[in-house]
Protein backbone atom coordinates (compact mmCIF):
# COMPACT_ATOMS: atom_id res chain seq x y z
CA MET A 1 -64.64 -17.00 -5.96
CA GLU A 2 -61.97 -15.11 -5.26
CA LEU A 3 -63.69 -11.97 -6.78
CA GLU A 4 -66.36 -12.44 -4.45
CA LEU A 5 -64.42 -12.99 -1.70
CA GLU A 6 -61.99 -9.69 -2.65
CA ILE A 7 -65.82 -7.64 -2.59
CA LEU A 8 -67.11 -8.88 0.71
CA LYS A 9 -63.75 -7.64 1.78
CA VAL A 10 -63.86 -4.52 0.52
CA GLU A 11 -67.80 -4.22 1.68
CA ARG A 12 -66.56 -5.05 4.85
CA GLU A 13 -64.03 -2.51 5.27
CA LEU A 14 -65.88 0.03 3.83
CA ASN A 15 -68.58 -1.10 6.72
CA LEU A 16 -66.47 -0.94 9.23
CA LYS A 17 -65.38 2.84 8.55
CA ARG A 18 -69.23 4.27 8.22
CA ILE A 19 -69.20 3.11 12.21
CA VAL A 20 -66.20 4.62 12.91
CA LEU A 21 -67.42 7.99 10.97
CA TYR A 22 -70.87 7.31 12.96
CA VAL A 23 -69.10 7.18 16.38
CA GLN A 24 -67.45 10.47 15.95
CA LYS A 25 -69.66 12.17 14.44
CA THR A 26 -71.31 10.92 17.11
CA LYS A 27 -69.00 12.19 19.64
CA GLU A 28 -68.77 15.52 18.27
CA SER A 29 -72.44 15.98 19.10
CA LEU A 30 -72.16 14.60 22.38
CA LEU A 31 -69.49 18.26 22.68
CA PRO A 32 -70.71 20.50 25.83
CA ILE A 33 -70.18 23.53 22.83
CA ASN A 34 -72.85 21.80 20.31
CA LEU A 35 -75.32 20.49 22.31
CA ILE A 36 -75.03 24.53 23.21
CA LYS A 37 -75.12 25.67 19.66
CA GLY A 38 -77.93 23.23 18.20
CA PHE A 39 -80.10 24.26 21.73
CA ILE A 40 -80.00 28.12 20.53
CA GLY A 41 -80.49 27.53 17.18
CA ASP A 42 -83.69 25.63 18.08
CA TYR A 43 -84.46 28.27 20.35
CA LYS A 44 -84.11 30.82 17.89
CA SER A 45 -85.91 29.28 15.25
CA ILE A 46 -88.84 28.72 17.34
CA LEU A 47 -88.55 32.44 18.80
CA SER A 48 -88.06 33.78 15.57
CA GLY A 49 -92.09 32.95 14.31
CA TYR A 50 -93.48 34.19 17.57
CA SER A 51 -91.23 37.46 17.92
CA GLY A 52 -93.86 39.90 17.03
CA THR A 53 -95.92 38.20 19.19
CA ILE A 54 -93.43 38.65 22.20
CA LEU A 55 -92.81 42.09 21.22
CA ASN A 56 -96.33 42.99 22.07
CA ILE A 57 -96.21 41.35 25.19
CA ALA A 58 -93.14 42.13 26.42
CA ILE A 59 -93.26 45.99 25.59
CA PRO A 60 -96.36 47.05 28.04
CA LEU A 61 -94.79 44.27 30.51
CA ILE A 62 -91.51 46.78 30.58
CA ILE A 63 -93.38 50.43 30.34
CA ASN A 64 -94.89 49.14 33.69
CA TRP A 65 -92.03 47.93 35.46
CA ILE A 66 -90.41 50.92 35.26
CA THR A 67 -93.24 53.42 35.45
CA LYS A 68 -93.99 51.73 39.08
CA ARG A 69 -90.35 51.88 39.75
CA LYS A 70 -90.04 55.61 39.51
CA ARG A 71 -92.89 55.50 41.54
CA GLY A 72 -91.57 53.73 44.11
CA ASP A 73 -88.36 55.55 44.23
């Protein structure tokens, strides 16, 4: 009987420590710097697959913008 109570006590302590750890991790993940890092990481992973397409679209647009800008002077 005492052994079962001791086991329950240890399990309770472990569960409490897990809860505290989860709360700490949640607090850290909600810090502004970590939110920004997460956003930038997601943004990079999304753009990495489309970088060639983006460059193929962006380069002609930039060239046209520069040539029109020089003609306007």
